[in-house]
Amino acid sequence: MKLVTAIIKPFKLDSVREAISEVGVDGLTVSEVKGFGRQKGHTELYRGAEYQVDFLPKVKLEIATNDELVQRLIDAISTAAHTGKIGDGKIFVYDLEYAVRIRTGEQDAEAI
């Protein structure tokens, strides 16, 4: 089992959700987060004053999946989140040692 974490631009969430559904992923967790990478933030103008925005809004997706779906899932996220501009995001894949569905007590692959 793997835990796939993706950081994407907020406006790409719907297209990514649709793409991963087509792959066969049933569920995911979405969090609104802020951060920066190579973008290093940007400058905004508010009431005539210029100020630096260091942390940019992003969306973090966490998806627990079986090993067989990982590459298809990565491809789907990459394609759907791609704009070709800086700040498109990143995908991280972690080993998932153990999972339990609280309601039923199912474990590991059956729990996800």
C-alpha atoms as a PDB file:
ATOM      1  CA  MET A   1       0.000   0.000   0.000  1.00  0.00           C
ATOM      2  CA  LYS A   2       1.112   3.549  -0.701  1.00  0.00           C
ATOM      3  CA  LEU A   3       0.122   7.012   0.466  1.00  0.00           C
ATOM      4  CA  VAL A   4       0.221   9.473  -2.419  1.00  0.00           C
ATOM      5  CA  THR A   5       0.385  13.134  -1.408  1.00  0.00           C
ATOM      6  CA  ALA A   6      -0.032  15.819  -4.048  1.00  0.00           C
ATOM      7  CA  ILE A   7       0.271  19.584  -3.672  1.00  0.00           C
ATOM      8  CA  ILE A   8      -1.574  21.357  -6.496  1.00  0.00           C
ATOM      9  CA  LYS A   9      -3.039  24.709  -7.466  1.00  0.00           C
ATOM     10  CA  PRO A  10      -6.535  25.196  -5.982  1.00  0.00           C
ATOM     11  CA  PHE A  11      -8.297  25.796  -9.306  1.00  0.00           C
ATOM     12  CA  LYS A  12      -7.106  22.394 -10.553  1.00  0.00           C
ATOM     13  CA  LEU A  13      -8.868  20.422  -7.784  1.00  0.00           C
ATOM     14  CA  ASP A  14     -11.999  19.518  -9.784  1.00  0.00           C
ATOM     15  CA  SER A  15     -10.085  18.286 -12.826  1.00  0.00           C
ATOM     16  CA  VAL A  16      -7.711  16.239 -10.643  1.00  0.00           C
ATOM     17  CA  ARG A  17     -10.637  14.723  -8.724  1.00  0.00           C
ATOM     18  CA  GLU A  18     -12.293  13.666 -11.975  1.00  0.00           C
ATOM     19  CA  ALA A  19      -9.028  12.221 -13.318  1.00  0.00           C
ATOM     20  CA  ILE A  20      -8.372  10.091 -10.250  1.00  0.00           C
ATOM     21  CA  SER A  21     -11.951   8.837 -10.246  1.00  0.00           C
ATOM     22  CA  GLU A  22     -11.405   7.528 -13.779  1.00  0.00           C
ATOM     23  CA  VAL A  23      -8.351   5.614 -12.526  1.00  0.00           C
ATOM     24  CA  GLY A  24     -10.523   3.846  -9.963  1.00  0.00           C
ATOM     25  CA  VAL A  25      -9.611   5.661  -6.761  1.00  0.00           C
ATOM     26  CA  ASP A  26     -12.584   5.771  -4.401  1.00  0.00           C
ATOM     27  CA  GLY A  27     -11.548   8.318  -1.798  1.00  0.00           C
ATOM     28  CA  LEU A  28      -9.168  11.091  -0.918  1.00  0.00           C
ATOM     29  CA  THR A  29      -8.542  13.710   1.715  1.00  0.00           C
ATOM     30  CA  VAL A  30      -8.280  17.373   0.701  1.00  0.00           C
ATOM     31  CA  SER A  31      -6.699  20.125   2.804  1.00  0.00           C
ATOM     32  CA  GLU A  32      -6.261  23.797   2.045  1.00  0.00           C
ATOM     33  CA  VAL A  33      -2.634  24.651   2.734  1.00  0.00           C
ATOM     34  CA  LYS A  34      -0.180  27.485   2.126  1.00  0.00           C
ATOM     35  CA  GLY A  35       3.425  27.277   1.090  1.00  0.00           C
ATOM     36  CA  PHE A  36       6.059  28.200  -1.426  1.00  0.00           C
ATOM     37  CA  GLY A  37       8.702  26.563  -3.536  1.00  0.00           C
ATOM     38  CA  ARG A  38      10.488  28.053  -6.484  1.00  0.00           C
ATOM     39  CA  GLN A  39       7.709  30.631  -6.832  1.00  0.00           C
ATOM     40  CA  LYS A  40       8.943  32.404  -3.703  1.00  0.00           C
ATOM     41  CA  GLY A  41       5.582  34.133  -3.290  1.00  0.00           C
ATOM     42  CA  HIS A  42       4.534  37.251  -5.162  1.00  0.00           C
ATOM     43  CA  THR A  43       3.811  40.952  -4.720  1.00  0.00           C
ATOM     44  CA  GLU A  44       0.258  42.309  -4.481  1.00  0.00           C
ATOM     45  CA  LEU A  45      -1.208  45.795  -4.461  1.00  0.00           C
ATOM     46  CA  TYR A  46      -3.834  46.595  -1.807  1.00  0.00           C
ATOM     47  CA  ARG A  47      -5.285  50.107  -1.379  1.00  0.00           C
ATOM     48  CA  GLY A  48      -2.290  51.616  -3.086  1.00  0.00           C
ATOM     49  CA  ALA A  49       0.248  49.806  -0.919  1.00  0.00           C
ATOM     50  CA  GLU A  50       2.438  47.052  -2.285  1.00  0.00           C
ATOM     51  CA  TYR A  51       3.115  44.064  -0.056  1.00  0.00           C
ATOM     52  CA  GLN A  52       4.817  40.694  -0.344  1.00  0.00           C
ATOM     53  CA  VAL A  53       2.769  37.473  -0.127  1.00  0.00           C
ATOM     54  CA  ASP A  54       5.241  34.814   0.989  1.00  0.00           C
ATOM     55  CA  PHE A  55       2.905  31.820   1.280  1.00  0.00           C
ATOM     56  CA  LEU A  56       0.696  30.932  -1.650  1.00  0.00           C
ATOM     57  CA  PRO A  57      -2.597  29.028  -1.353  1.00  0.00           C
ATOM     58  CA  LYS A  58      -2.380  25.392  -2.438  1.00  0.00           C
ATOM     59  CA  VAL A  59      -4.451  22.235  -2.083  1.00  0.00           C
ATOM     60  CA  LYS A  60      -3.006  19.081  -0.536  1.00  0.00           C
ATOM     61  CA  LEU A  61      -4.455  15.737  -1.593  1.00  0.00           C
ATOM     62  CA  GLU A  62      -3.778  12.549   0.352  1.00  0.00           C
ATOM     63  CA  ILE A  63      -4.734   9.273  -1.273  1.00  0.00           C
ATOM     64  CA  ALA A  64      -4.190   5.793   0.158  1.00  0.00           C
ATOM     65  CA  THR A  65      -4.039   3.220  -2.609  1.00  0.00           C
ATOM     66  CA  ASN A  66      -2.861  -0.240  -3.594  1.00  0.00           C
ATOM     67  CA  ASP A  67       0.582  -0.606  -5.139  1.00  0.00           C
ATOM     68  CA  GLU A  68      -0.899  -1.562  -8.527  1.00  0.00           C
ATOM     69  CA  LEU A  69      -2.658   1.808  -8.954  1.00  0.00           C
ATOM     70  CA  VAL A  70       0.215   4.090  -7.940  1.00  0.00           C
ATOM     71  CA  GLN A  71       1.718   4.821 -11.356  1.00  0.00           C
ATOM     72  CA  ARG A  72      -1.683   5.326 -13.008  1.00  0.00           C
ATOM     73  CA  LEU A  73      -2.665   7.638 -10.150  1.00  0.00           C
ATOM     74  CA  ILE A  74       0.536   9.677 -10.491  1.00  0.00           C
ATOM     75  CA  ASP A  75       0.022   9.973 -14.242  1.00  0.00           C
ATOM     76  CA  ALA A  76      -3.595  11.081 -13.782  1.00  0.00           C
ATOM     77  CA  ILE A  77      -2.693  13.744 -11.190  1.00  0.00           C
ATOM     78  CA  SER A  78       0.266  14.992 -13.239  1.00  0.00           C
ATOM     79  CA  THR A  79      -1.792  15.349 -16.398  1.00  0.00           C
ATOM     80  CA  ALA A  80      -4.820  16.968 -14.748  1.00  0.00           C
ATOM     81  CA  ALA A  81      -2.814  19.419 -12.588  1.00  0.00           C
ATOM     82  CA  HIS A  82      -0.401  20.483 -15.331  1.00  0.00           C
ATOM     83  CA  THR A  83      -0.474  24.106 -16.519  1.00  0.00           C
ATOM     84  CA  GLY A  84       3.144  24.355 -17.637  1.00  0.00           C
ATOM     85  CA  LYS A  85       3.754  27.286 -15.324  1.00  0.00           C
ATOM     86  CA  ILE A  86       5.805  27.523 -12.162  1.00  0.00           C
ATOM     87  CA  GLY A  87       3.906  26.374  -9.065  1.00  0.00           C
ATOM     88  CA  ASP A  88       2.060  23.423 -10.641  1.00  0.00           C
ATOM     89  CA  GLY A  89       2.948  21.379  -7.560  1.00  0.00           C
ATOM     90  CA  LYS A  90       4.559  18.156  -6.475  1.00  0.00           C
ATOM     91  CA  ILE A  91       3.634  14.527  -5.857  1.00  0.00           C
ATOM     92  CA  PHE A  92       5.132  12.449  -3.053  1.00  0.00           C
ATOM     93  CA  VAL A  93       4.708   8.690  -2.569  1.00  0.00           C
ATOM     94  CA  TYR A  94       5.179   7.047   0.838  1.00  0.00           C
ATOM     95  CA  ASP A  95       4.997   3.454   1.984  1.00  0.00           C
ATOM     96  CA  LEU A  96       1.833   2.861   3.995  1.00  0.00           C
ATOM     97  CA  GLU A  97       2.461   0.200   6.601  1.00  0.00           C
ATOM     98  CA  TYR A  98      -0.962  -0.250   8.108  1.00  0.00           C
ATOM     99  CA  ALA A  99      -4.541   0.946   7.652  1.00  0.00           C
ATOM    100  CA  VAL A 100      -7.708   0.299   9.652  1.00  0.00           C
ATOM    101  CA  ARG A 101     -11.282   1.245   8.796  1.00  0.00           C
ATOM    102  CA  ILE A 102     -12.681   2.344  12.133  1.00  0.00           C
ATOM    103  CA  ARG A 103     -16.317   1.502  11.394  1.00  0.00           C
ATOM    104  CA  THR A 104     -15.771  -2.134  10.398  1.00  0.00           C
ATOM    105  CA  GLY A 105     -12.329  -3.002  11.708  1.00  0.00           C
ATOM    106  CA  GLU A 106     -11.138  -3.967   8.213  1.00  0.00           C
ATOM    107  CA  GLN A 107      -7.381  -3.768   7.832  1.00  0.00           C
ATOM    108  CA  ASP A 108      -4.812  -2.906   5.180  1.00  0.00           C
ATOM    109  CA  ALA A 109      -5.997  -3.234   1.554  1.00  0.00           C
ATOM    110  CA  GLU A 110      -9.594  -3.952   2.600  1.00  0.00           C
ATOM    111  CA  ALA A 111      -9.595  -0.733   4.661  1.00  0.00           C
ATOM    112  CA  ILE A 112      -8.702   1.474   1.729  1.00  0.00           C
END
